[in-house]
C-alpha cells in the first residue's frame, strides 16, 4: 500500500515522494512518474518497517517518515548514503505530518492513541505538543502563516507558533498557542485547506463538512513554551 505522498521541489525538478507499507520511501519524477530512488528503511534500521506519513524537505535530501512501529524517522542523505534516526512516540503510527517552513518545524499527528509532536529540524529533536484534549487524527498547514489545523474525532483545533531569537547560550524556544472548537461525534478523519481558508474535513460517516478555521479565535485555550535546544 502507498500510504502517503507529497510533491516537492527536488533535484533539480519537481518530485513525488511516497511512503509504503513495505517500509520504502520512493522518489519519482513529477509529473512523469519516472522512478528516481528507493530508500529501504527496513535495511537502514535492521528490522521490518511499515510507513505512513511523509514530509520531504526541498531538495529531497532529508525526509521525515512516520511508521506503524510507534516512531518517526529522520532520514538524511549525504554523498549518496542515507542514515536514519528513529524517535519513539506513544502512538502506534505517526499518521500525518505538516510543516511550518519559516520556523523550521514539522508537526506530527499520531493515532492509536492520539498524540501530537513538534519536530525541530535544526536540532533534530522531537517534542510532545499538548493535544488540548482533542482526539486528533490529521494535521494540515495553513499557507502563509505559522499555523496548523488539527482535526479529530471530536472537533478542530488551530495551533499558532512563534520562535523568539536564541538567547546568549544558544538556547531556542517555541511559543505555542491553541484554539479549539468541539463537536461531539464529529468523527473527523481527514482534511484539506482550500484557497480562501475554508477547511473541508471528511468523516468516518461518509460526510464532507466545511469549517472556518478563522472562527477559532478569542483567548487561546492553551499557551505553552517548548525548549528546543541548540541547532546542530
C-alpha atoms as a PDB file:
ATOM      1  CA  UNK A   1       0.000   0.000   0.000  1.00  0.00           C
ATOM      2  CA  UNK A   2       1.073   3.562  -0.742  1.00  0.00           C
ATOM      3  CA  UNK A   3       0.021   5.338   2.447  1.00  0.00           C
ATOM      4  CA  UNK A   4       1.094   8.960   1.916  1.00  0.00           C
ATOM      5  CA  UNK A   5       2.574  11.181  -0.786  1.00  0.00           C
ATOM      6  CA  UNK A   6       3.827  14.711  -1.359  1.00  0.00           C
ATOM      7  CA  UNK A   7       5.079  16.793  -4.303  1.00  0.00           C
ATOM      8  CA  UNK A   8       8.204  18.877  -3.640  1.00  0.00           C
ATOM      9  CA  UNK A   9      10.944  20.767  -5.474  1.00  0.00           C
ATOM     10  CA  UNK A  10      13.601  18.100  -5.809  1.00  0.00           C
ATOM     11  CA  UNK A  11      16.904  17.639  -7.637  1.00  0.00           C
ATOM     12  CA  UNK A  12      16.532  19.741  -9.729  1.00  0.00           C
ATOM     13  CA  UNK A  13      12.889  19.455 -10.868  1.00  0.00           C
ATOM     14  CA  UNK A  14       9.692  18.600  -9.066  1.00  0.00           C
ATOM     15  CA  UNK A  15       9.347  15.183  -7.473  1.00  0.00           C
ATOM     16  CA  UNK A  16       6.667  12.976  -5.991  1.00  0.00           C
ATOM     17  CA  UNK A  17       7.686  11.277  -2.738  1.00  0.00           C
ATOM     18  CA  UNK A  18       5.709   8.288  -1.443  1.00  0.00           C
ATOM     19  CA  UNK A  19       5.742   6.036   1.618  1.00  0.00           C
ATOM     20  CA  UNK A  20       4.552   2.442   1.661  1.00  0.00           C
ATOM     21  CA  UNK A  21       3.604  -0.395   3.954  1.00  0.00           C
ATOM     22  CA  UNK A  22       6.695  -2.268   2.715  1.00  0.00           C
ATOM     23  CA  UNK A  23       8.929   0.195   4.565  1.00  0.00           C
ATOM     24  CA  UNK A  24      10.173   2.077   1.499  1.00  0.00           C
ATOM     25  CA  UNK A  25      10.256   5.756   0.668  1.00  0.00           C
ATOM     26  CA  UNK A  26      10.305   6.301  -3.095  1.00  0.00           C
ATOM     27  CA  UNK A  27      11.185   9.336  -5.191  1.00  0.00           C
ATOM     28  CA  UNK A  28       9.530   9.813  -8.593  1.00  0.00           C
ATOM     29  CA  UNK A  29       9.870  12.439 -11.297  1.00  0.00           C
ATOM     30  CA  UNK A  30       6.789  14.684 -11.443  1.00  0.00           C
ATOM     31  CA  UNK A  31       4.511  14.601 -13.346  1.00  0.00           C
ATOM     32  CA  UNK A  32       6.016  11.824 -15.494  1.00  0.00           C
ATOM     33  CA  UNK A  33       6.419   9.356 -12.568  1.00  0.00           C
ATOM     34  CA  UNK A  34       9.876   8.201 -13.612  1.00  0.00           C
ATOM     35  CA  UNK A  35      11.376   6.123 -10.754  1.00  0.00           C
ATOM     36  CA  UNK A  36      14.310   8.038  -9.225  1.00  0.00           C
ATOM     37  CA  UNK A  37      15.245   6.293  -5.978  1.00  0.00           C
ATOM     38  CA  UNK A  38      14.039   3.821  -3.357  1.00  0.00           C
ATOM     39  CA  UNK A  39      15.047   4.255   0.286  1.00  0.00           C
ATOM     40  CA  UNK A  40      14.569   0.994   2.205  1.00  0.00           C
ATOM     41  CA  UNK A  41      14.089   1.906   5.862  1.00  0.00           C
ATOM     42  CA  UNK A  42      13.934  -1.762   6.885  1.00  0.00           C
ATOM     43  CA  UNK A  43      17.503  -2.190   5.643  1.00  0.00           C
ATOM     44  CA  UNK A  44      18.642   1.016   7.353  1.00  0.00           C
ATOM     45  CA  UNK A  45      17.189   0.032  10.732  1.00  0.00           C
ATOM     46  CA  UNK A  46      17.830  -3.703  10.535  1.00  0.00           C
ATOM     47  CA  UNK A  47      14.217  -4.791  11.118  1.00  0.00           C
ATOM     48  CA  UNK A  48      10.928  -4.798   9.160  1.00  0.00           C
ATOM     49  CA  UNK A  49       9.297  -1.377   8.926  1.00  0.00           C
ATOM     50  CA  UNK A  50       5.929  -0.131   7.688  1.00  0.00           C
ATOM     51  CA  UNK A  51       5.492   3.557   6.848  1.00  0.00           C
ATOM     52  CA  UNK A  52       2.635   6.035   6.723  1.00  0.00           C
ATOM     53  CA  UNK A  53       3.170   9.821   6.925  1.00  0.00           C
ATOM     54  CA  UNK A  54       5.830  11.554   4.820  1.00  0.00           C
ATOM     55  CA  UNK A  55       7.341  15.030   4.661  1.00  0.00           C
ATOM     56  CA  UNK A  56      10.156  15.721   2.175  1.00  0.00           C
ATOM     57  CA  UNK A  57      12.405  18.766   2.554  1.00  0.00           C
ATOM     58  CA  UNK A  58      13.046  20.759  -0.641  1.00  0.00           C
ATOM     59  CA  UNK A  59      15.896  19.046  -2.455  1.00  0.00           C
ATOM     60  CA  UNK A  60      14.751  15.640  -1.056  1.00  0.00           C
ATOM     61  CA  UNK A  61      17.981  15.068   0.849  1.00  0.00           C
ATOM     62  CA  UNK A  62      16.066  14.981   4.105  1.00  0.00           C
ATOM     63  CA  UNK A  63      12.804  13.136   4.650  1.00  0.00           C
ATOM     64  CA  UNK A  64      10.585  12.564   7.668  1.00  0.00           C
ATOM     65  CA  UNK A  65       8.541   9.370   7.676  1.00  0.00           C
ATOM     66  CA  UNK A  66       6.017   8.138  10.220  1.00  0.00           C
ATOM     67  CA  UNK A  67       5.976   4.431  10.954  1.00  0.00           C
ATOM     68  CA  UNK A  68       3.439   1.855  12.110  1.00  0.00           C
ATOM     69  CA  UNK A  69       6.070   0.858  14.690  1.00  0.00           C
ATOM     70  CA  UNK A  70       5.472   3.769  17.077  1.00  0.00           C
ATOM     71  CA  UNK A  71       8.102   6.131  15.759  1.00  0.00           C
ATOM     72  CA  UNK A  72       9.118   8.986  13.498  1.00  0.00           C
ATOM     73  CA  UNK A  73      12.133   8.537  11.210  1.00  0.00           C
ATOM     74  CA  UNK A  74      14.519  11.366  10.332  1.00  0.00           C
ATOM     75  CA  UNK A  75      16.151  10.271   7.059  1.00  0.00           C
ATOM     76  CA  UNK A  76      19.178  12.213   5.796  1.00  0.00           C
ATOM     77  CA  UNK A  77      21.184  11.668   2.603  1.00  0.00           C
ATOM     78  CA  UNK A  78      24.848  12.647   2.284  1.00  0.00           C
ATOM     79  CA  UNK A  79      27.145  11.671  -0.576  1.00  0.00           C
ATOM     80  CA  UNK A  80      24.616   9.137  -1.815  1.00  0.00           C
ATOM     81  CA  UNK A  81      24.194   7.320   1.507  1.00  0.00           C
ATOM     82  CA  UNK A  82      21.104   7.514   3.707  1.00  0.00           C
ATOM     83  CA  UNK A  83      21.054   7.444   7.509  1.00  0.00           C
ATOM     84  CA  UNK A  84      18.007   7.008   9.730  1.00  0.00           C
ATOM     85  CA  UNK A  85      17.433   8.342  13.223  1.00  0.00           C
ATOM     86  CA  UNK A  86      14.374   6.942  14.993  1.00  0.00           C
ATOM     87  CA  UNK A  87      12.284   8.908  17.506  1.00  0.00           C
ATOM     88  CA  UNK A  88       9.783   6.954  19.589  1.00  0.00           C
ATOM     89  CA  UNK A  89       6.199   8.183  20.116  1.00  0.00           C
ATOM     90  CA  UNK A  90       3.357   6.815  22.291  1.00  0.00           C
ATOM     91  CA  UNK A  91       1.122   6.266  19.236  1.00  0.00           C
ATOM     92  CA  UNK A  92       1.119   3.141  17.113  1.00  0.00           C
ATOM     93  CA  UNK A  93       1.511   5.269  13.980  1.00  0.00           C
ATOM     94  CA  UNK A  94       2.667   8.752  13.023  1.00  0.00           C
ATOM     95  CA  UNK A  95      -0.219   9.282  10.645  1.00  0.00           C
ATOM     96  CA  UNK A  96       0.258  12.768   9.217  1.00  0.00           C
ATOM     97  CA  UNK A  97       2.943  15.484   9.048  1.00  0.00           C
ATOM     98  CA  UNK A  98       2.594  19.230   8.379  1.00  0.00           C
ATOM     99  CA  UNK A  99       5.486  21.692   8.107  1.00  0.00           C
ATOM    100  CA  UNK A 100       5.766  25.275   9.345  1.00  0.00           C
ATOM    101  CA  UNK A 101       8.619  26.258   6.985  1.00  0.00           C
ATOM    102  CA  UNK A 102       9.538  29.693   8.331  1.00  0.00           C
ATOM    103  CA  UNK A 103      10.154  28.274  11.805  1.00  0.00           C
ATOM    104  CA  UNK A 104      11.818  25.051  10.653  1.00  0.00           C
ATOM    105  CA  UNK A 105       9.388  22.748  12.448  1.00  0.00           C
ATOM    106  CA  UNK A 106       7.135  19.884  11.402  1.00  0.00           C
ATOM    107  CA  UNK A 107       4.013  18.917  13.372  1.00  0.00           C
ATOM    108  CA  UNK A 108       3.316  15.183  13.651  1.00  0.00           C
ATOM    109  CA  UNK A 109      -0.117  13.703  14.357  1.00  0.00           C
ATOM    110  CA  UNK A 110      -0.190  10.161  15.732  1.00  0.00           C
ATOM    111  CA  UNK A 111      -3.060   7.714  16.157  1.00  0.00           C
ATOM    112  CA  UNK A 112      -3.854   4.688  18.341  1.00  0.00           C
ATOM    113  CA  UNK A 113      -3.704   6.525  20.708  1.00  0.00           C
ATOM    114  CA  UNK A 114      -3.809  10.119  19.520  1.00  0.00           C
ATOM    115  CA  UNK A 115      -0.694  12.230  20.082  1.00  0.00           C
ATOM    116  CA  UNK A 116       0.833  15.447  18.749  1.00  0.00           C
ATOM    117  CA  UNK A 117       4.535  16.282  18.493  1.00  0.00           C
ATOM    118  CA  UNK A 118       6.751  19.016  17.089  1.00  0.00           C
ATOM    119  CA  UNK A 119       9.919  18.013  15.249  1.00  0.00           C
ATOM    120  CA  UNK A 120      12.626  20.697  15.242  1.00  0.00           C
ATOM    121  CA  UNK A 121      14.651  20.387  12.051  1.00  0.00           C
ATOM    122  CA  UNK A 122      17.592  22.466  13.315  1.00  0.00           C
ATOM    123  CA  UNK A 123      18.297  20.317  16.370  1.00  0.00           C
ATOM    124  CA  UNK A 124      16.800  17.069  15.074  1.00  0.00           C
ATOM    125  CA  UNK A 125      14.698  16.675  18.225  1.00  0.00           C
ATOM    126  CA  UNK A 126      11.083  15.655  18.805  1.00  0.00           C
ATOM    127  CA  UNK A 127       8.918  17.350  21.439  1.00  0.00           C
ATOM    128  CA  UNK A 128       5.424  16.468  22.759  1.00  0.00           C
ATOM    129  CA  UNK A 129       2.722  19.006  21.880  1.00  0.00           C
ATOM    130  CA  UNK A 130      -0.323  19.397  24.128  1.00  0.00           C
ATOM    131  CA  UNK A 131      -3.353  18.000  22.281  1.00  0.00           C
ATOM    132  CA  UNK A 132      -5.718  20.052  24.475  1.00  0.00           C
ATOM    133  CA  UNK A 133      -7.961  17.029  24.866  1.00  0.00           C
ATOM    134  CA  UNK A 134      -8.673  16.640  21.145  1.00  0.00           C
ATOM    135  CA  UNK A 135      -8.547  13.066  19.819  1.00  0.00           C
ATOM    136  CA  UNK A 136      -6.687  14.233  16.705  1.00  0.00           C
ATOM    137  CA  UNK A 137      -6.062  12.246  13.528  1.00  0.00           C
ATOM    138  CA  UNK A 138      -4.949  14.663  10.800  1.00  0.00           C
ATOM    139  CA  UNK A 139      -2.935  17.877  10.604  1.00  0.00           C
ATOM    140  CA  UNK A 140      -2.710  20.396   7.739  1.00  0.00           C
ATOM    141  CA  UNK A 141      -0.520  23.513   7.371  1.00  0.00           C
ATOM    142  CA  UNK A 142      -2.060  26.979   6.989  1.00  0.00           C
ATOM    143  CA  UNK A 143      -0.419  28.568   3.901  1.00  0.00           C
ATOM    144  CA  UNK A 144       1.397  31.839   4.587  1.00  0.00           C
ATOM    145  CA  UNK A 145       1.003  31.562   8.360  1.00  0.00           C
ATOM    146  CA  UNK A 146       2.973  29.879  11.126  1.00  0.00           C
ATOM    147  CA  UNK A 147      -0.026  27.724  11.952  1.00  0.00           C
ATOM    148  CA  UNK A 148      -1.508  24.265  11.523  1.00  0.00           C
ATOM    149  CA  UNK A 149      -5.031  22.909  11.878  1.00  0.00           C
ATOM    150  CA  UNK A 150      -5.655  19.567  13.573  1.00  0.00           C
ATOM    151  CA  UNK A 151      -8.896  17.632  13.044  1.00  0.00           C
ATOM    152  CA  UNK A 152     -10.053  14.651  15.042  1.00  0.00           C
ATOM    153  CA  UNK A 153     -12.901  12.547  16.260  1.00  0.00           C
ATOM    154  CA  UNK A 154     -14.425  15.366  18.284  1.00  0.00           C
ATOM    155  CA  UNK A 155     -13.621  18.618  16.502  1.00  0.00           C
ATOM    156  CA  UNK A 156     -10.996  21.013  15.166  1.00  0.00           C
ATOM    157  CA  UNK A 157      -8.039  22.810  16.774  1.00  0.00           C
ATOM    158  CA  UNK A 158      -5.825  25.600  15.432  1.00  0.00           C
ATOM    159  CA  UNK A 159      -2.205  25.968  16.599  1.00  0.00           C
ATOM    160  CA  UNK A 160      -0.120  29.121  16.132  1.00  0.00           C
ATOM    161  CA  UNK A 161       3.656  29.111  16.644  1.00  0.00           C
ATOM    162  CA  UNK A 162       6.295  31.776  17.158  1.00  0.00           C
ATOM    163  CA  UNK A 163      10.003  31.452  17.800  1.00  0.00           C
ATOM    164  CA  UNK A 164      11.963  34.171  19.569  1.00  0.00           C
ATOM    165  CA  UNK A 165      15.671  34.562  18.812  1.00  0.00           C
ATOM    166  CA  UNK A 166      18.122  32.254  20.644  1.00  0.00           C
ATOM    167  CA  UNK A 167      19.430  33.506  23.974  1.00  0.00           C
ATOM    168  CA  UNK A 168      23.100  34.186  24.714  1.00  0.00           C
ATOM    169  CA  UNK A 169      23.735  30.477  25.314  1.00  0.00           C
ATOM    170  CA  UNK A 170      22.167  29.468  22.000  1.00  0.00           C
ATOM    171  CA  UNK A 171      19.057  28.020  23.612  1.00  0.00           C
ATOM    172  CA  UNK A 172      15.942  28.167  21.473  1.00  0.00           C
ATOM    173  CA  UNK A 173      12.282  28.062  22.451  1.00  0.00           C
ATOM    174  CA  UNK A 174       8.997  27.723  20.589  1.00  0.00           C
ATOM    175  CA  UNK A 175       5.866  29.507  21.773  1.00  0.00           C
ATOM    176  CA  UNK A 176       2.647  27.577  21.162  1.00  0.00           C
ATOM    177  CA  UNK A 177      -0.939  28.832  21.334  1.00  0.00           C
ATOM    178  CA  UNK A 178      -4.044  26.789  20.535  1.00  0.00           C
ATOM    179  CA  UNK A 179      -7.749  27.352  19.978  1.00  0.00           C
ATOM    180  CA  UNK A 180     -10.294  24.551  19.698  1.00  0.00           C
ATOM    181  CA  UNK A 181     -13.874  24.038  18.543  1.00  0.00           C
ATOM    182  CA  UNK A 182     -15.505  20.849  19.730  1.00  0.00           C
ATOM    183  CA  UNK A 183     -18.309  18.920  18.066  1.00  0.00           C
ATOM    184  CA  UNK A 184     -19.136  15.695  19.861  1.00  0.00           C
ATOM    185  CA  UNK A 185     -19.395  12.799  17.460  1.00  0.00           C
ATOM    186  CA  UNK A 186     -17.941  14.713  14.503  1.00  0.00           C
ATOM    187  CA  UNK A 187     -15.652  11.750  13.682  1.00  0.00           C
ATOM    188  CA  UNK A 188     -13.307  13.853  11.506  1.00  0.00           C
ATOM    189  CA  UNK A 189     -10.587  11.728   9.902  1.00  0.00           C
ATOM    190  CA  UNK A 190      -9.019  13.769   7.092  1.00  0.00           C
ATOM    191  CA  UNK A 191      -8.952  17.399   5.962  1.00  0.00           C
ATOM    192  CA  UNK A 192      -7.623  19.922   3.477  1.00  0.00           C
ATOM    193  CA  UNK A 193      -7.445  23.720   3.444  1.00  0.00           C
ATOM    194  CA  UNK A 194      -8.588  25.310   0.188  1.00  0.00           C
ATOM    195  CA  UNK A 195      -7.669  28.762  -1.177  1.00  0.00           C
ATOM    196  CA  UNK A 196      -9.655  31.318   0.768  1.00  0.00           C
ATOM    197  CA  UNK A 197      -9.201  29.476   4.050  1.00  0.00           C
ATOM    198  CA  UNK A 198     -12.099  27.012   4.019  1.00  0.00           C
ATOM    199  CA  UNK A 199     -11.337  23.738   5.795  1.00  0.00           C
ATOM    200  CA  UNK A 200     -13.038  20.691   4.330  1.00  0.00           C
ATOM    201  CA  UNK A 201     -12.992  17.596   6.504  1.00  0.00           C
ATOM    202  CA  UNK A 202     -14.060  14.037   5.742  1.00  0.00           C
ATOM    203  CA  UNK A 203     -15.777  11.980   8.422  1.00  0.00           C
ATOM    204  CA  UNK A 204     -15.982   8.311   9.354  1.00  0.00           C
ATOM    205  CA  UNK A 205     -19.693   8.542   8.473  1.00  0.00           C
ATOM    206  CA  UNK A 206     -19.028   9.333   4.801  1.00  0.00           C
ATOM    207  CA  UNK A 207     -19.756  13.052   5.176  1.00  0.00           C
ATOM    208  CA  UNK A 208     -17.860  16.111   3.933  1.00  0.00           C
ATOM    209  CA  UNK A 209     -18.013  19.056   6.342  1.00  0.00           C
ATOM    210  CA  UNK A 210     -16.906  22.667   5.870  1.00  0.00           C
ATOM    211  CA  UNK A 211     -15.303  24.642   8.705  1.00  0.00           C
ATOM    212  CA  UNK A 212     -13.960  28.170   9.006  1.00  0.00           C
ATOM    213  CA  UNK A 213     -10.666  27.998  10.977  1.00  0.00           C
ATOM    214  CA  UNK A 214     -10.817  31.792  11.298  1.00  0.00           C
ATOM    215  CA  UNK A 215     -13.724  31.320  13.678  1.00  0.00           C
ATOM    216  CA  UNK A 216     -11.322  29.718  16.156  1.00  0.00           C
ATOM    217  CA  UNK A 217     -10.273  32.965  17.805  1.00  0.00           C
ATOM    218  CA  UNK A 218     -10.508  34.835  21.077  1.00  0.00           C
ATOM    219  CA  UNK A 219      -8.405  33.907  24.104  1.00  0.00           C
ATOM    220  CA  UNK A 220      -6.355  30.772  23.398  1.00  0.00           C
ATOM    221  CA  UNK A 221      -7.310  27.517  25.046  1.00  0.00           C
ATOM    222  CA  UNK A 222      -3.680  26.955  25.967  1.00  0.00           C
ATOM    223  CA  UNK A 223      -0.275  28.645  25.784  1.00  0.00           C
ATOM    224  CA  UNK A 224       2.955  26.710  26.125  1.00  0.00           C
ATOM    225  CA  UNK A 225       6.691  27.186  25.581  1.00  0.00           C
ATOM    226  CA  UNK A 226       8.764  24.302  24.285  1.00  0.00           C
ATOM    227  CA  UNK A 227      12.525  24.343  24.874  1.00  0.00           C
ATOM    228  CA  UNK A 228      14.089  23.205  21.597  1.00  0.00           C
ATOM    229  CA  UNK A 229      17.766  23.301  22.411  1.00  0.00           C
ATOM    230  CA  UNK A 230      20.611  24.489  20.162  1.00  0.00           C
ATOM    231  CA  UNK A 231      20.805  23.741  16.452  1.00  0.00           C
ATOM    232  CA  UNK A 232      23.235  21.096  15.280  1.00  0.00           C
END
